[in-house]
Amino acid sequence: MPKKSKIEIFNVMDEKELDEALKSLDYPIRYYQRLIAMKLISVGHNHKETGEILGVSYRTINRWAKACENEGLNGLIPNFSGGKPSKLSEENKVQFKQILIESENVTMTDAQRILKEDFGIEFSLPYVCNIVRQLGFNYGKPRPKFREAPENGEEILKKTLILQE
């Protein structure tokens, strides 16, 4: 039988509370993974074995166990900051969207130039594509309209296709 952990995770909560939290999927999957780690420790697996089962390092399991020991289940909830804020504020995004609406046939290179000249922010071309998509635009290749094409061209085509069948 594996050795028991020296860290007492049930000094702040009980095993029933841990089992109930495992059954509910209200939290993100990372929280659920941490709950499973504590469950494995509670049934007798050591930190190394638990890490091998979950594909996580020993140090990570140890950190989670200490957080659980000190704060209970709340210590297992991930607290990520969400990353670096965008250089383009929400107000600037609204203004940029308005510029795109007012302009005709704007390419991604044009959008990149607008961001640099009007807002003083330099983005890579792939990131400009992401911003434009987030604003609700999509891009496609413009197709020319022939002047000689009749206005009811689609109807004529449908009639021709029906006659051929």
C-alpha atoms as a PDB file:
ATOM      1  CA  MET A   1       0.000   0.000   0.000  1.00  0.00           C
ATOM      2  CA  PRO A   2       1.320   3.491  -0.820  1.00  0.00           C
ATOM      3  CA  LYS A   3       2.551   5.710   1.968  1.00  0.00           C
ATOM      4  CA  LYS A   4       0.141   8.324   3.278  1.00  0.00           C
ATOM      5  CA  SER A   5       0.875  11.985   2.705  1.00  0.00           C
ATOM      6  CA  LYS A   6       2.177  13.981   5.655  1.00  0.00           C
ATOM      7  CA  ILE A   7      -0.055  16.865   4.627  1.00  0.00           C
ATOM      8  CA  GLU A   8      -3.488  16.683   6.233  1.00  0.00           C
ATOM      9  CA  ILE A   9      -5.997  17.878   3.663  1.00  0.00           C
ATOM     10  CA  PHE A  10      -9.020  17.142   5.851  1.00  0.00           C
ATOM     11  CA  ASN A  11      -8.213  19.626   8.625  1.00  0.00           C
ATOM     12  CA  VAL A  12     -10.277  22.349   6.883  1.00  0.00           C
ATOM     13  CA  MET A  13     -12.897  20.151   5.163  1.00  0.00           C
ATOM     14  CA  ASP A  14     -14.156  16.584   5.280  1.00  0.00           C
ATOM     15  CA  GLU A  15     -14.054  13.783   2.738  1.00  0.00           C
ATOM     16  CA  LYS A  16     -17.791  14.098   2.049  1.00  0.00           C
ATOM     17  CA  GLU A  17     -17.309  17.733   0.970  1.00  0.00           C
ATOM     18  CA  LEU A  18     -14.520  16.660  -1.381  1.00  0.00           C
ATOM     19  CA  ASP A  19     -16.706  13.913  -2.887  1.00  0.00           C
ATOM     20  CA  GLU A  20     -19.587  16.344  -3.457  1.00  0.00           C
ATOM     21  CA  ALA A  21     -17.274  18.831  -5.156  1.00  0.00           C
ATOM     22  CA  LEU A  22     -15.992  16.034  -7.416  1.00  0.00           C
ATOM     23  CA  LYS A  23     -19.561  15.204  -8.464  1.00  0.00           C
ATOM     24  CA  SER A  24     -20.416  18.782  -9.430  1.00  0.00           C
ATOM     25  CA  LEU A  25     -18.953  20.208 -12.623  1.00  0.00           C
ATOM     26  CA  ASP A  26     -19.597  23.848 -11.828  1.00  0.00           C
ATOM     27  CA  TYR A  27     -15.938  24.797 -12.019  1.00  0.00           C
ATOM     28  CA  PRO A  28     -13.421  24.589 -14.870  1.00  0.00           C
ATOM     29  CA  ILE A  29     -11.741  21.307 -15.685  1.00  0.00           C
ATOM     30  CA  ARG A  30      -8.498  22.363 -13.975  1.00  0.00           C
ATOM     31  CA  TYR A  31     -10.327  22.637 -10.681  1.00  0.00           C
ATOM     32  CA  TYR A  32     -11.803  19.195 -11.278  1.00  0.00           C
ATOM     33  CA  GLN A  33      -8.305  17.825 -11.937  1.00  0.00           C
ATOM     34  CA  ARG A  34      -7.143  19.258  -8.620  1.00  0.00           C
ATOM     35  CA  LEU A  35     -10.098  17.676  -6.832  1.00  0.00           C
ATOM     36  CA  ILE A  36      -9.198  14.306  -8.332  1.00  0.00           C
ATOM     37  CA  ALA A  37      -5.626  14.771  -7.105  1.00  0.00           C
ATOM     38  CA  MET A  38      -6.868  15.382  -3.563  1.00  0.00           C
ATOM     39  CA  LYS A  39      -9.150  12.348  -3.825  1.00  0.00           C
ATOM     40  CA  LEU A  40      -6.216  10.174  -4.884  1.00  0.00           C
ATOM     41  CA  ILE A  41      -4.147  11.482  -1.981  1.00  0.00           C
ATOM     42  CA  SER A  42      -7.025  10.867   0.420  1.00  0.00           C
ATOM     43  CA  VAL A  43      -7.298   7.212  -0.583  1.00  0.00           C
ATOM     44  CA  GLY A  44      -3.598   6.636   0.015  1.00  0.00           C
ATOM     45  CA  HIS A  45      -1.658   7.521  -3.118  1.00  0.00           C
ATOM     46  CA  ASN A  46       1.463   9.575  -2.547  1.00  0.00           C
ATOM     47  CA  HIS A  47       2.184  12.779  -4.442  1.00  0.00           C
ATOM     48  CA  LYS A  48       4.482  11.119  -6.960  1.00  0.00           C
ATOM     49  CA  GLU A  49       1.922   8.451  -7.891  1.00  0.00           C
ATOM     50  CA  THR A  50      -0.844  11.038  -8.076  1.00  0.00           C
ATOM     51  CA  GLY A  51       1.255  13.163 -10.399  1.00  0.00           C
ATOM     52  CA  GLU A  52       1.983  10.169 -12.629  1.00  0.00           C
ATOM     53  CA  ILE A  53      -1.717   9.260 -12.813  1.00  0.00           C
ATOM     54  CA  LEU A  54      -2.767  12.807 -13.732  1.00  0.00           C
ATOM     55  CA  GLY A  55       0.267  13.671 -15.848  1.00  0.00           C
ATOM     56  CA  VAL A  56       1.349  16.469 -13.504  1.00  0.00           C
ATOM     57  CA  SER A  57       4.661  16.980 -11.722  1.00  0.00           C
ATOM     58  CA  TYR A  58       5.253  16.057  -8.092  1.00  0.00           C
ATOM     59  CA  ARG A  59       5.865  19.726  -7.218  1.00  0.00           C
ATOM     60  CA  THR A  60       2.502  20.749  -8.693  1.00  0.00           C
ATOM     61  CA  ILE A  61       0.657  18.065  -6.711  1.00  0.00           C
ATOM     62  CA  ASN A  62       2.509  19.152  -3.574  1.00  0.00           C
ATOM     63  CA  ARG A  63       1.548  22.810  -4.173  1.00  0.00           C
ATOM     64  CA  TRP A  64      -2.114  21.858  -4.674  1.00  0.00           C
ATOM     65  CA  ALA A  65      -2.096  19.719  -1.520  1.00  0.00           C
ATOM     66  CA  LYS A  66      -0.608  22.535   0.563  1.00  0.00           C
ATOM     67  CA  ALA A  67      -3.156  25.000  -0.806  1.00  0.00           C
ATOM     68  CA  CYS A  68      -5.930  22.546   0.040  1.00  0.00           C
ATOM     69  CA  GLU A  69      -4.481  22.000   3.509  1.00  0.00           C
ATOM     70  CA  ASN A  70      -4.404  25.751   4.212  1.00  0.00           C
ATOM     71  CA  GLU A  71      -7.584  26.962   2.511  1.00  0.00           C
ATOM     72  CA  GLY A  72      -9.742  23.890   1.893  1.00  0.00           C
ATOM     73  CA  LEU A  73     -11.438  23.491  -1.480  1.00  0.00           C
ATOM     74  CA  ASN A  74     -11.184  27.227  -2.161  1.00  0.00           C
ATOM     75  CA  GLY A  75      -7.405  26.816  -2.310  1.00  0.00           C
ATOM     76  CA  LEU A  76      -7.825  24.549  -5.336  1.00  0.00           C
ATOM     77  CA  ILE A  77      -9.756  27.046  -7.463  1.00  0.00           C
ATOM     78  CA  PRO A  78      -7.438  28.387 -10.203  1.00  0.00           C
ATOM     79  CA  ASN A  79      -6.880  32.132 -10.062  1.00  0.00           C
ATOM     80  CA  PHE A  80      -5.506  33.107 -13.436  1.00  0.00           C
ATOM     81  CA  SER A  81      -5.185  36.770 -14.289  1.00  0.00           C
ATOM     82  CA  GLY A  82      -6.406  36.375 -17.883  1.00  0.00           C
ATOM     83  CA  GLY A  83      -3.331  37.648 -19.668  1.00  0.00           C
ATOM     84  CA  LYS A  84      -2.032  40.976 -20.814  1.00  0.00           C
ATOM     85  CA  PRO A  85      -4.677  43.591 -21.675  1.00  0.00           C
ATOM     86  CA  SER A  86      -5.036  44.584 -25.316  1.00  0.00           C
ATOM     87  CA  LYS A  87      -3.266  47.690 -26.584  1.00  0.00           C
ATOM     88  CA  LEU A  88      -6.469  48.614 -28.408  1.00  0.00           C
ATOM     89  CA  SER A  89      -9.077  49.798 -25.896  1.00  0.00           C
ATOM     90  CA  GLU A  90     -12.784  49.091 -26.305  1.00  0.00           C
ATOM     91  CA  GLU A  91     -13.376  52.733 -27.234  1.00  0.00           C
ATOM     92  CA  ASN A  92     -10.676  52.515 -29.920  1.00  0.00           C
ATOM     93  CA  LYS A  93     -12.220  49.284 -31.219  1.00  0.00           C
ATOM     94  CA  VAL A  94     -15.542  51.080 -31.698  1.00  0.00           C
ATOM     95  CA  GLN A  95     -13.815  53.909 -33.559  1.00  0.00           C
ATOM     96  CA  PHE A  96     -11.830  51.438 -35.679  1.00  0.00           C
ATOM     97  CA  LYS A  97     -15.015  49.559 -36.560  1.00  0.00           C
ATOM     98  CA  GLN A  98     -16.652  52.815 -37.655  1.00  0.00           C
ATOM     99  CA  ILE A  99     -13.666  53.611 -39.873  1.00  0.00           C
ATOM    100  CA  LEU A 100     -13.916  50.175 -41.483  1.00  0.00           C
ATOM    101  CA  ILE A 101     -17.645  50.624 -42.090  1.00  0.00           C
ATOM    102  CA  GLU A 102     -17.133  54.021 -43.727  1.00  0.00           C
ATOM    103  CA  SER A 103     -14.286  52.778 -45.939  1.00  0.00           C
ATOM    104  CA  GLU A 104     -14.803  50.596 -48.992  1.00  0.00           C
ATOM    105  CA  ASN A 105     -12.769  47.540 -49.934  1.00  0.00           C
ATOM    106  CA  VAL A 106     -10.337  47.709 -47.023  1.00  0.00           C
ATOM    107  CA  THR A 107      -7.632  45.064 -47.140  1.00  0.00           C
ATOM    108  CA  MET A 108      -5.943  43.709 -44.039  1.00  0.00           C
ATOM    109  CA  THR A 109      -2.847  45.717 -44.941  1.00  0.00           C
ATOM    110  CA  ASP A 110      -5.037  48.833 -45.090  1.00  0.00           C
ATOM    111  CA  ALA A 111      -6.519  47.967 -41.695  1.00  0.00           C
ATOM    112  CA  GLN A 112      -3.018  47.510 -40.299  1.00  0.00           C
ATOM    113  CA  ARG A 113      -2.011  50.919 -41.692  1.00  0.00           C
ATOM    114  CA  ILE A 114      -5.159  52.557 -40.205  1.00  0.00           C
ATOM    115  CA  LEU A 115      -4.344  51.136 -36.778  1.00  0.00           C
ATOM    116  CA  LYS A 116      -0.794  52.458 -37.000  1.00  0.00           C
ATOM    117  CA  GLU A 117      -1.653  55.938 -38.343  1.00  0.00           C
ATOM    118  CA  ASP A 118      -4.892  56.687 -36.471  1.00  0.00           C
ATOM    119  CA  PHE A 119      -4.266  54.928 -33.175  1.00  0.00           C
ATOM    120  CA  GLY A 120      -0.466  54.707 -33.028  1.00  0.00           C
ATOM    121  CA  ILE A 121      -0.575  50.954 -32.443  1.00  0.00           C
ATOM    122  CA  GLU A 122       1.430  48.522 -34.525  1.00  0.00           C
ATOM    123  CA  PHE A 123       0.088  44.979 -34.851  1.00  0.00           C
ATOM    124  CA  SER A 124       1.196  42.026 -36.929  1.00  0.00           C
ATOM    125  CA  LEU A 125      -0.973  41.196 -39.920  1.00  0.00           C
ATOM    126  CA  PRO A 126      -2.355  37.941 -38.422  1.00  0.00           C
ATOM    127  CA  TYR A 127      -3.379  39.814 -35.257  1.00  0.00           C
ATOM    128  CA  VAL A 128      -5.077  42.517 -37.354  1.00  0.00           C
ATOM    129  CA  CYS A 129      -7.085  39.696 -38.978  1.00  0.00           C
ATOM    130  CA  ASN A 130      -8.140  38.520 -35.496  1.00  0.00           C
ATOM    131  CA  ILE A 131      -9.230  42.019 -34.485  1.00  0.00           C
ATOM    132  CA  VAL A 132     -11.226  42.480 -37.693  1.00  0.00           C
ATOM    133  CA  ARG A 133     -12.983  39.139 -37.138  1.00  0.00           C
ATOM    134  CA  GLN A 134     -13.739  40.043 -33.509  1.00  0.00           C
ATOM    135  CA  LEU A 135     -15.394  43.207 -34.754  1.00  0.00           C
ATOM    136  CA  GLY A 136     -17.777  41.107 -36.812  1.00  0.00           C
ATOM    137  CA  PHE A 137     -16.216  41.480 -40.240  1.00  0.00           C
ATOM    138  CA  ASN A 138     -15.075  38.754 -42.550  1.00  0.00           C
ATOM    139  CA  TYR A 139     -12.996  39.091 -45.616  1.00  0.00           C
ATOM    140  CA  GLY A 140     -13.409  37.672 -49.029  1.00  0.00           C
ATOM    141  CA  LYS A 141     -11.971  38.217 -52.411  1.00  0.00           C
ATOM    142  CA  PRO A 142     -13.895  40.934 -54.261  1.00  0.00           C
ATOM    143  CA  ARG A 143     -15.431  39.726 -57.493  1.00  0.00           C
ATOM    144  CA  PRO A 144     -15.967  42.091 -60.436  1.00  0.00           C
ATOM    145  CA  LYS A 145     -19.459  42.657 -61.782  1.00  0.00           C
ATOM    146  CA  PHE A 146     -19.697  42.719 -65.521  1.00  0.00           C
ATOM    147  CA  ARG A 147     -21.488  45.684 -67.037  1.00  0.00           C
ATOM    148  CA  GLU A 148     -22.912  43.523 -69.802  1.00  0.00           C
ATOM    149  CA  ALA A 149     -24.554  41.120 -67.370  1.00  0.00           C
ATOM    150  CA  PRO A 150     -28.355  41.314 -67.366  1.00  0.00           C
ATOM    151  CA  GLU A 151     -30.045  42.301 -64.093  1.00  0.00           C
ATOM    152  CA  ASN A 152     -32.116  39.114 -64.037  1.00  0.00           C
ATOM    153  CA  GLY A 153     -29.134  36.881 -64.857  1.00  0.00           C
ATOM    154  CA  GLU A 154     -29.831  34.420 -62.038  1.00  0.00           C
ATOM    155  CA  GLU A 155     -33.398  33.850 -63.225  1.00  0.00           C
ATOM    156  CA  ILE A 156     -32.212  33.224 -66.788  1.00  0.00           C
ATOM    157  CA  LEU A 157     -29.640  30.741 -65.469  1.00  0.00           C
ATOM    158  CA  LYS A 158     -32.271  28.872 -63.441  1.00  0.00           C
ATOM    159  CA  LYS A 159     -34.589  28.624 -66.471  1.00  0.00           C
ATOM    160  CA  THR A 160     -31.711  27.349 -68.609  1.00  0.00           C
ATOM    161  CA  LEU A 161     -30.794  24.702 -66.020  1.00  0.00           C
ATOM    162  CA  ILE A 162     -34.419  23.535 -65.717  1.00  0.00           C
ATOM    163  CA  LEU A 163     -34.743  23.244 -69.513  1.00  0.00           C
ATOM    164  CA  GLN A 164     -31.571  21.132 -69.699  1.00  0.00           C
ATOM    165  CA  GLU A 165     -32.815  18.580 -67.169  1.00  0.00           C
END
